[in-house]
């Protein structure tokens, strides 16, 4: 019974992080469009690629395991957000 609860909680956490990540990507994609990238979907895809590759780098550098992917993604999102390329 507890394993089902933990699975449900981890799924809820995963979905919440995914939702926040998509909101973040859309926000920065709109900023990228205002900065001169005219295709919103292309800029969203570019940002998703940047965040994903950054998360892989974070996992490698910090030697995080597969179950720490969410932590790596959070770190990657904050690193991408801090990047002046994606600021207004």
PDB file of N, CA and C in Angstrom:
ATOM      1  N   UNK A   1       0.823  -1.193   0.000  1.00  0.00           N
ATOM      2  CA  UNK A   1       0.000   0.000   0.000  1.00  0.00           C
ATOM      3  C   UNK A   1       0.866   1.256   0.000  1.00  0.00           C
ATOM      4  N   UNK A   2       1.901   1.262   0.834  1.00  0.00           N
ATOM      5  CA  UNK A   2       2.767   2.427   0.899  1.00  0.00           C
ATOM      6  C   UNK A   2       3.482   2.678  -0.422  1.00  0.00           C
ATOM      7  N   UNK A   3       3.852   1.605  -1.116  1.00  0.00           N
ATOM      8  CA  UNK A   3       4.548   1.787  -2.388  1.00  0.00           C
ATOM      9  C   UNK A   3       3.639   2.455  -3.410  1.00  0.00           C
ATOM     10  N   UNK A   4       2.341   2.152  -3.378  1.00  0.00           N
ATOM     11  CA  UNK A   4       1.402   2.823  -4.273  1.00  0.00           C
ATOM     12  C   UNK A   4       1.311   4.304  -3.946  1.00  0.00           C
ATOM     13  N   UNK A   5       1.266   4.617  -2.660  1.00  0.00           N
ATOM     14  CA  UNK A   5       1.209   6.016  -2.247  1.00  0.00           C
ATOM     15  C   UNK A   5       2.468   6.743  -2.687  1.00  0.00           C
ATOM     16  N   UNK A   6       3.625   6.131  -2.481  1.00  0.00           N
ATOM     17  CA  UNK A   6       4.880   6.756  -2.888  1.00  0.00           C
ATOM     18  C   UNK A   6       4.928   6.940  -4.399  1.00  0.00           C
ATOM     19  N   UNK A   7       4.442   5.949  -5.134  1.00  0.00           N
ATOM     20  CA  UNK A   7       4.426   6.060  -6.586  1.00  0.00           C
ATOM     21  C   UNK A   7       3.523   7.207  -7.009  1.00  0.00           C
ATOM     22  N   UNK A   8       2.351   7.306  -6.392  1.00  0.00           N
ATOM     23  CA  UNK A   8       1.436   8.387  -6.722  1.00  0.00           C
ATOM     24  C   UNK A   8       2.043   9.740  -6.377  1.00  0.00           C
ATOM     25  N   UNK A   9       2.688   9.837  -5.215  1.00  0.00           N
ATOM     26  CA  UNK A   9       3.307  11.101  -4.820  1.00  0.00           C
ATOM     27  C   UNK A   9       4.452  11.476  -5.747  1.00  0.00           C
ATOM     28  N   UNK A  10       5.264  10.500  -6.119  1.00  0.00           N
ATOM     29  CA  UNK A  10       6.369  10.825  -7.013  1.00  0.00           C
ATOM     30  C   UNK A  10       5.851  11.207  -8.393  1.00  0.00           C
ATOM     31  N   UNK A  11       4.760  10.599  -8.839  1.00  0.00           N
ATOM     32  CA  UNK A  11       4.172  10.967 -10.123  1.00  0.00           C
ATOM     33  C   UNK A  11       3.607  12.381 -10.069  1.00  0.00           C
ATOM     34  N   UNK A  12       2.940  12.720  -8.968  1.00  0.00           N
ATOM     35  CA  UNK A  12       2.410  14.073  -8.803  1.00  0.00           C
ATOM     36  C   UNK A  12       3.550  15.076  -8.801  1.00  0.00           C
ATOM     37  N   UNK A  13       4.622  14.769  -8.091  1.00  0.00           N
ATOM     38  CA  UNK A  13       5.787  15.653  -8.062  1.00  0.00           C
ATOM     39  C   UNK A  13       6.377  15.809  -9.452  1.00  0.00           C
ATOM     40  N   UNK A  14       6.508  14.706 -10.165  1.00  0.00           N
ATOM     41  CA  UNK A  14       7.045  14.743 -11.528  1.00  0.00           C
ATOM     42  C   UNK A  14       6.170  15.611 -12.425  1.00  0.00           C
ATOM     43  N   UNK A  15       4.854  15.423 -12.352  1.00  0.00           N
ATOM     44  CA  UNK A  15       3.952  16.194 -13.204  1.00  0.00           C
ATOM     45  C   UNK A  15       3.988  17.676 -12.848  1.00  0.00           C
ATOM     46  N   UNK A  16       4.109  17.981 -11.557  1.00  0.00           N
ATOM     47  CA  UNK A  16       4.176  19.379 -11.139  1.00  0.00           C
ATOM     48  C   UNK A  16       5.464  20.034 -11.648  1.00  0.00           C
ATOM     49  N   UNK A  17       6.576  19.330 -11.539  1.00  0.00           N
ATOM     50  CA  UNK A  17       7.847  19.861 -12.038  1.00  0.00           C
ATOM     51  C   UNK A  17       7.775  20.041 -13.548  1.00  0.00           C
ATOM     52  N   UNK A  18       7.187  19.065 -14.233  1.00  0.00           N
ATOM     53  CA  UNK A  18       7.055  19.159 -15.687  1.00  0.00           C
ATOM     54  C   UNK A  18       6.194  20.361 -16.070  1.00  0.00           C
ATOM     55  N   UNK A  19       5.115  20.593 -15.324  1.00  0.00           N
ATOM     56  CA  UNK A  19       4.238  21.729 -15.592  1.00  0.00           C
ATOM     57  C   UNK A  19       4.993  23.048 -15.404  1.00  0.00           C
ATOM     58  N   UNK A  20       5.743  23.169 -14.304  1.00  0.00           N
ATOM     59  CA  UNK A  20       6.512  24.383 -14.064  1.00  0.00           C
ATOM     60  C   UNK A  20       7.584  24.581 -15.130  1.00  0.00           C
ATOM     61  N   UNK A  21       8.194  23.495 -15.552  1.00  0.00           N
ATOM     62  CA  UNK A  21       9.212  23.580 -16.591  1.00  0.00           C
ATOM     63  C   UNK A  21       8.612  24.090 -17.896  1.00  0.00           C
ATOM     64  N   UNK A  22       7.437  23.593 -18.259  1.00  0.00           N
ATOM     65  CA  UNK A  22       6.790  24.056 -19.486  1.00  0.00           C
ATOM     66  C   UNK A  22       6.397  25.528 -19.392  1.00  0.00           C
ATOM     67  N   UNK A  23       5.929  25.959 -18.211  1.00  0.00           N
ATOM     68  CA  UNK A  23       5.611  27.377 -18.016  1.00  0.00           C
ATOM     69  C   UNK A  23       6.872  28.214 -18.188  1.00  0.00           C
ATOM     70  N   UNK A  24       7.959  27.773 -17.573  1.00  0.00           N
ATOM     71  CA  UNK A  24       9.238  28.472 -17.697  1.00  0.00           C
ATOM     72  C   UNK A  24       9.670  28.565 -19.159  1.00  0.00           C
ATOM     73  N   UNK A  25       9.573  27.453 -19.877  1.00  0.00           N
ATOM     74  CA  UNK A  25      10.012  27.425 -21.272  1.00  0.00           C
ATOM     75  C   UNK A  25       9.158  28.357 -22.117  1.00  0.00           C
ATOM     76  N   UNK A  26       7.859  28.357 -21.896  1.00  0.00           N
ATOM     77  CA  UNK A  26       6.992  29.249 -22.678  1.00  0.00           C
ATOM     78  C   UNK A  26       7.297  30.709 -22.382  1.00  0.00           C
ATOM     79  N   UNK A  27       7.530  31.022 -21.112  1.00  0.00           N
ATOM     80  CA  UNK A  27       7.868  32.396 -20.738  1.00  0.00           C
ATOM     81  C   UNK A  27       9.133  32.854 -21.452  1.00  0.00           C
ATOM     82  N   UNK A  28      10.182  32.038 -21.394  1.00  0.00           N
ATOM     83  CA  UNK A  28      11.428  32.417 -22.028  1.00  0.00           C
ATOM     84  C   UNK A  28      11.357  32.330 -23.540  1.00  0.00           C
ATOM     85  N   UNK A  29      10.489  31.472 -24.071  1.00  0.00           N
ATOM     86  CA  UNK A  29      10.303  31.427 -25.522  1.00  0.00           C
ATOM     87  C   UNK A  29       9.671  32.729 -25.996  1.00  0.00           C
ATOM     88  N   UNK A  30       8.720  33.245 -25.245  1.00  0.00           N
ATOM     89  CA  UNK A  30       8.113  34.529 -25.620  1.00  0.00           C
ATOM     90  C   UNK A  30       9.146  35.649 -25.560  1.00  0.00           C
ATOM     91  N   UNK A  31      10.002  35.605 -24.554  1.00  0.00           N
ATOM     92  CA  UNK A  31      11.067  36.611 -24.479  1.00  0.00           C
ATOM     93  C   UNK A  31      12.014  36.487 -25.665  1.00  0.00           C
ATOM     94  N   UNK A  32      12.301  35.253 -26.062  1.00  0.00           N
ATOM     95  CA  UNK A  32      13.174  35.038 -27.213  1.00  0.00           C
ATOM     96  C   UNK A  32      12.523  35.563 -28.481  1.00  0.00           C
ATOM     97  N   UNK A  33      11.206  35.411 -28.604  1.00  0.00           N
ATOM     98  CA  UNK A  33      10.494  35.929 -29.772  1.00  0.00           C
ATOM     99  C   UNK A  33      10.600  37.447 -29.806  1.00  0.00           C
ATOM    100  N   UNK A  34      10.421  38.085 -28.653  1.00  0.00           N
ATOM    101  CA  UNK A  34      10.546  39.547 -28.606  1.00  0.00           C
ATOM    102  C   UNK A  34      11.968  39.996 -28.905  1.00  0.00           C
ATOM    103  N   UNK A  35      12.933  39.139 -28.600  1.00  0.00           N
ATOM    104  CA  UNK A  35      14.332  39.486 -28.835  1.00  0.00           C
ATOM    105  C   UNK A  35      14.759  39.256 -30.278  1.00  0.00           C
ATOM    106  N   UNK A  36      13.893  38.677 -31.088  1.00  0.00           N
ATOM    107  CA  UNK A  36      14.244  38.521 -32.485  1.00  0.00           C
ATOM    108  C   UNK A  36      14.048  37.135 -33.062  1.00  0.00           C
ATOM    109  N   UNK A  37      13.807  36.130 -32.232  1.00  0.00           N
ATOM    110  CA  UNK A  37      13.498  34.808 -32.775  1.00  0.00           C
ATOM    111  C   UNK A  37      12.001  34.821 -33.073  1.00  0.00           C
ATOM    112  N   UNK A  38      11.629  34.622 -34.333  1.00  0.00           N
ATOM    113  CA  UNK A  38      10.239  34.852 -34.727  1.00  0.00           C
ATOM    114  C   UNK A  38       9.348  33.626 -34.620  1.00  0.00           C
ATOM    115  N   UNK A  39       9.904  32.455 -34.549  1.00  0.00           N
ATOM    116  CA  UNK A  39       9.086  31.255 -34.495  1.00  0.00           C
ATOM    117  C   UNK A  39       9.003  30.766 -33.057  1.00  0.00           C
ATOM    118  N   UNK A  40       7.830  30.893 -32.450  1.00  0.00           N
ATOM    119  CA  UNK A  40       7.656  30.544 -31.038  1.00  0.00           C
ATOM    120  C   UNK A  40       7.932  29.070 -30.781  1.00  0.00           C
ATOM    121  N   UNK A  41       7.412  28.192 -31.631  1.00  0.00           N
ATOM    122  CA  UNK A  41       7.620  26.756 -31.422  1.00  0.00           C
ATOM    123  C   UNK A  41       9.098  26.394 -31.550  1.00  0.00           C
ATOM    124  N   UNK A  42       9.787  27.009 -32.495  1.00  0.00           N
ATOM    125  CA  UNK A  42      11.217  26.725 -32.658  1.00  0.00           C
ATOM    126  C   UNK A  42      11.996  27.184 -31.433  1.00  0.00           C
ATOM    127  N   UNK A  43      11.635  28.348 -30.881  1.00  0.00           N
ATOM    128  CA  UNK A  43      12.358  28.832 -29.708  1.00  0.00           C
ATOM    129  C   UNK A  43      12.042  27.973 -28.483  1.00  0.00           C
ATOM    130  N   UNK A  44      10.794  27.476 -28.369  1.00  0.00           N
ATOM    131  CA  UNK A  44      10.467  26.554 -27.272  1.00  0.00           C
ATOM    132  C   UNK A  44      11.285  25.277 -27.383  1.00  0.00           C
ATOM    133  N   UNK A  45      11.387  24.753 -28.598  1.00  0.00           N
ATOM    134  CA  UNK A  45      12.161  23.524 -28.805  1.00  0.00           C
ATOM    135  C   UNK A  45      13.635  23.759 -28.494  1.00  0.00           C
ATOM    136  N   UNK A  46      14.144  24.921 -28.888  1.00  0.00           N
ATOM    137  CA  UNK A  46      15.542  25.255 -28.604  1.00  0.00           C
ATOM    138  C   UNK A  46      15.778  25.313 -27.100  1.00  0.00           C
ATOM    139  N   UNK A  47      14.878  25.977 -26.389  1.00  0.00           N
ATOM    140  CA  UNK A  47      15.033  26.080 -24.939  1.00  0.00           C
ATOM    141  C   UNK A  47      14.906  24.722 -24.259  1.00  0.00           C
ATOM    142  N   UNK A  48      14.000  23.881 -24.742  1.00  0.00           N
ATOM    143  CA  UNK A  48      13.854  22.544 -24.163  1.00  0.00           C
ATOM    144  C   UNK A  48      15.131  21.742 -24.370  1.00  0.00           C
ATOM    145  N   UNK A  49      15.739  21.887 -25.546  1.00  0.00           N
ATOM    146  CA  UNK A  49      16.999  21.199 -25.825  1.00  0.00           C
ATOM    147  C   UNK A  49      18.102  21.705 -24.901  1.00  0.00           C
ATOM    148  N   UNK A  50      18.151  23.019 -24.708  1.00  0.00           N
ATOM    149  CA  UNK A  50      19.167  23.608 -23.829  1.00  0.00           C
ATOM    150  C   UNK A  50      18.992  23.097 -22.406  1.00  0.00           C
ATOM    151  N   UNK A  51      17.751  23.101 -21.909  1.00  0.00           N
ATOM    152  CA  UNK A  51      17.495  22.639 -20.541  1.00  0.00           C
ATOM    153  C   UNK A  51      17.840  21.159 -20.403  1.00  0.00           C
ATOM    154  N   UNK A  52      17.454  20.349 -21.390  1.00  0.00           N
ATOM    155  CA  UNK A  52      17.736  18.908 -21.319  1.00  0.00           C
ATOM    156  C   UNK A  52      19.230  18.629 -21.322  1.00  0.00           C
ATOM    157  N   UNK A  53      19.965  19.297 -22.205  1.00  0.00           N
ATOM    158  CA  UNK A  53      21.408  19.055 -22.257  1.00  0.00           C
ATOM    159  C   UNK A  53      22.091  19.579 -21.000  1.00  0.00           C
ATOM    160  N   UNK A  54      21.585  20.685 -20.463  1.00  0.00           N
ATOM    161  CA  UNK A  54      22.134  21.220 -19.217  1.00  0.00           C
ATOM    162  C   UNK A  54      21.887  20.242 -18.070  1.00  0.00           C
ATOM    163  N   UNK A  55      20.710  19.616 -18.046  1.00  0.00           N
ATOM    164  CA  UNK A  55      20.399  18.639 -16.997  1.00  0.00           C
ATOM    165  C   UNK A  55      21.320  17.429 -17.089  1.00  0.00           C
ATOM    166  N   UNK A  56      21.630  16.999 -18.301  1.00  0.00           N
ATOM    167  CA  UNK A  56      22.563  15.883 -18.482  1.00  0.00           C
ATOM    168  C   UNK A  56      23.937  16.271 -17.953  1.00  0.00           C
ATOM    169  N   UNK A  57      24.381  17.500 -18.261  1.00  0.00           N
ATOM    170  CA  UNK A  57      25.676  17.968 -17.765  1.00  0.00           C
ATOM    171  C   UNK A  57      25.698  18.019 -16.240  1.00  0.00           C
ATOM    172  N   UNK A  58      24.611  18.500 -15.645  1.00  0.00           N
ATOM    173  CA  UNK A  58      24.532  18.584 -14.184  1.00  0.00           C
ATOM    174  C   UNK A  58      24.631  17.188 -13.580  1.00  0.00           C
ATOM    175  N   UNK A  59      23.906  16.225 -14.169  1.00  0.00           N
ATOM    176  CA  UNK A  59      23.953  14.855 -13.641  1.00  0.00           C
ATOM    177  C   UNK A  59      25.354  14.277 -13.747  1.00  0.00           C
ATOM    178  N   UNK A  60      26.037  14.551 -14.848  1.00  0.00           N
ATOM    179  CA  UNK A  60      27.400  14.026 -15.014  1.00  0.00           C
ATOM    180  C   UNK A  60      28.356  14.661 -14.010  1.00  0.00           C
ATOM    181  N   UNK A  61      28.296  15.987 -13.902  1.00  0.00           N
ATOM    182  CA  UNK A  61      29.231  16.694 -13.026  1.00  0.00           C
ATOM    183  C   UNK A  61      29.013  16.339 -11.561  1.00  0.00           C
ATOM    184  N   UNK A  62      27.778  16.188 -11.171  1.00  0.00           N
ATOM    185  CA  UNK A  62      27.487  15.913  -9.765  1.00  0.00           C
ATOM    186  C   UNK A  62      27.308  14.429  -9.490  1.00  0.00           C
ATOM    187  N   UNK A  63      27.493  13.618 -10.528  1.00  0.00           N
ATOM    188  CA  UNK A  63      27.369  12.159 -10.411  1.00  0.00           C
ATOM    189  C   UNK A  63      26.029  11.761  -9.796  1.00  0.00           C
ATOM    190  N   UNK A  64      24.971  12.383 -10.288  1.00  0.00           N
ATOM    191  CA  UNK A  64      23.635  12.075  -9.794  1.00  0.00           C
ATOM    192  C   UNK A  64      23.104  10.822 -10.481  1.00  0.00           C
ATOM    193  N   UNK A  65      22.347  10.059  -9.761  1.00  0.00           N
ATOM    194  CA  UNK A  65      21.776   8.835 -10.320  1.00  0.00           C
ATOM    195  C   UNK A  65      20.490   9.155 -11.068  1.00  0.00           C
ATOM    196  N   UNK A  66      19.923   8.143 -11.684  1.00  0.00           N
ATOM    197  CA  UNK A  66      18.701   8.331 -12.476  1.00  0.00           C
ATOM    198  C   UNK A  66      17.537   8.830 -11.621  1.00  0.00           C
ATOM    199  N   UNK A  67      17.483   8.424 -10.355  1.00  0.00           N
ATOM    200  CA  UNK A  67      16.358   8.868  -9.530  1.00  0.00           C
ATOM    201  C   UNK A  67      16.490  10.337  -9.126  1.00  0.00           C
ATOM    202  N   UNK A  68      17.622  10.941  -9.368  1.00  0.00           N
ATOM    203  CA  UNK A  68      17.812  12.358  -9.056  1.00  0.00           C
ATOM    204  C   UNK A  68      17.628  13.238 -10.288  1.00  0.00           C
ATOM    205  N   UNK A  69      16.963  12.732 -11.304  1.00  0.00           N
ATOM    206  CA  UNK A  69      16.773  13.507 -12.527  1.00  0.00           C
ATOM    207  C   UNK A  69      16.008  14.798 -12.272  1.00  0.00           C
ATOM    208  N   UNK A  70      15.016  14.749 -11.387  1.00  0.00           N
ATOM    209  CA  UNK A  70      14.240  15.956 -11.108  1.00  0.00           C
ATOM    210  C   UNK A  70      15.115  17.033 -10.484  1.00  0.00           C
ATOM    211  N   UNK A  71      16.005  16.647  -9.575  1.00  0.00           N
ATOM    212  CA  UNK A  71      16.920  17.621  -8.985  1.00  0.00           C
ATOM    213  C   UNK A  71      17.835  18.205 -10.048  1.00  0.00           C
ATOM    214  N   UNK A  72      18.325  17.360 -10.934  1.00  0.00           N
ATOM    215  CA  UNK A  72      19.197  17.840 -12.006  1.00  0.00           C
ATOM    216  C   UNK A  72      18.443  18.795 -12.912  1.00  0.00           C
ATOM    217  N   UNK A  73      17.183  18.496 -13.197  1.00  0.00           N
ATOM    218  CA  UNK A  73      16.394  19.373 -14.063  1.00  0.00           C
ATOM    219  C   UNK A  73      16.132  20.714 -13.385  1.00  0.00           C
ATOM    220  N   UNK A  74      15.860  20.700 -12.068  1.00  0.00           N
ATOM    221  CA  UNK A  74      15.665  21.960 -11.346  1.00  0.00           C
ATOM    222  C   UNK A  74      16.928  22.815 -11.414  1.00  0.00           C
ATOM    223  N   UNK A  75      18.069  22.176 -11.185  1.00  0.00           N
ATOM    224  CA  UNK A  75      19.341  22.898 -11.252  1.00  0.00           C
ATOM    225  C   UNK A  75      19.558  23.441 -12.657  1.00  0.00           C
ATOM    226  N   UNK A  76      19.247  22.625 -13.661  1.00  0.00           N
ATOM    227  CA  UNK A  76      19.428  23.047 -15.052  1.00  0.00           C
ATOM    228  C   UNK A  76      18.531  24.229 -15.384  1.00  0.00           C
ATOM    229  N   UNK A  77      17.289  24.210 -14.925  1.00  0.00           N
ATOM    230  CA  UNK A  77      16.370  25.323 -15.186  1.00  0.00           C
ATOM    231  C   UNK A  77      16.909  26.597 -14.563  1.00  0.00           C
ATOM    232  N   UNK A  78      17.410  26.514 -13.334  1.00  0.00           N
ATOM    233  CA  UNK A  78      17.949  27.717 -12.695  1.00  0.00           C
ATOM    234  C   UNK A  78      19.198  28.208 -13.409  1.00  0.00           C
ATOM    235  N   UNK A  79      20.024  27.285 -13.916  1.00  0.00           N
ATOM    236  CA  UNK A  79      21.221  27.698 -14.649  1.00  0.00           C
ATOM    237  C   UNK A  79      20.861  28.354 -15.976  1.00  0.00           C
ATOM    238  N   UNK A  80      19.872  27.792 -16.664  1.00  0.00           N
ATOM    239  CA  UNK A  80      19.444  28.389 -17.933  1.00  0.00           C
ATOM    240  C   UNK A  80      18.800  29.748 -17.677  1.00  0.00           C
ATOM    241  N   UNK A  81      18.015  29.857 -16.603  1.00  0.00           N
ATOM    242  CA  UNK A  81      17.378  31.130 -16.269  1.00  0.00           C
ATOM    243  C   UNK A  81      18.416  32.195 -15.940  1.00  0.00           C
ATOM    244  N   UNK A  82      19.532  31.788 -15.358  1.00  0.00           N
ATOM    245  CA  UNK A  82      20.586  32.735 -15.004  1.00  0.00           C
ATOM    246  C   UNK A  82      21.427  33.146 -16.211  1.00  0.00           C
ATOM    247  N   UNK A  83      21.281  32.430 -17.305  1.00  0.00           N
ATOM    248  CA  UNK A  83      22.058  32.719 -18.504  1.00  0.00           C
ATOM    249  C   UNK A  83      21.579  34.030 -19.128  1.00  0.00           C
ATOM    250  N   UNK A  84      22.456  35.014 -19.324  1.00  0.00           N
ATOM    251  CA  UNK A  84      22.040  36.303 -19.880  1.00  0.00           C
ATOM    252  C   UNK A  84      21.491  36.202 -21.303  1.00  0.00           C
ATOM    253  N   UNK A  85      21.794  35.125 -22.002  1.00  0.00           N
ATOM    254  CA  UNK A  85      21.278  34.943 -23.354  1.00  0.00           C
ATOM    255  C   UNK A  85      19.756  34.867 -23.366  1.00  0.00           C
ATOM    256  N   UNK A  86      19.163  34.324 -22.283  1.00  0.00           N
ATOM    257  CA  UNK A  86      17.722  34.142 -22.232  1.00  0.00           C
ATOM    258  C   UNK A  86      17.015  35.207 -21.404  1.00  0.00           C
ATOM    259  N   UNK A  87      17.713  36.252 -21.028  1.00  0.00           N
ATOM    260  CA  UNK A  87      17.066  37.325 -20.277  1.00  0.00           C
ATOM    261  C   UNK A  87      16.594  38.410 -21.243  1.00  0.00           C
ATOM    262  N   UNK A  88      15.769  39.289 -20.734  1.00  0.00           N
ATOM    263  CA  UNK A  88      15.229  40.360 -21.594  1.00  0.00           C
ATOM    264  C   UNK A  88      16.318  41.365 -21.912  1.00  0.00           C
TER     265      UNK A  88
END
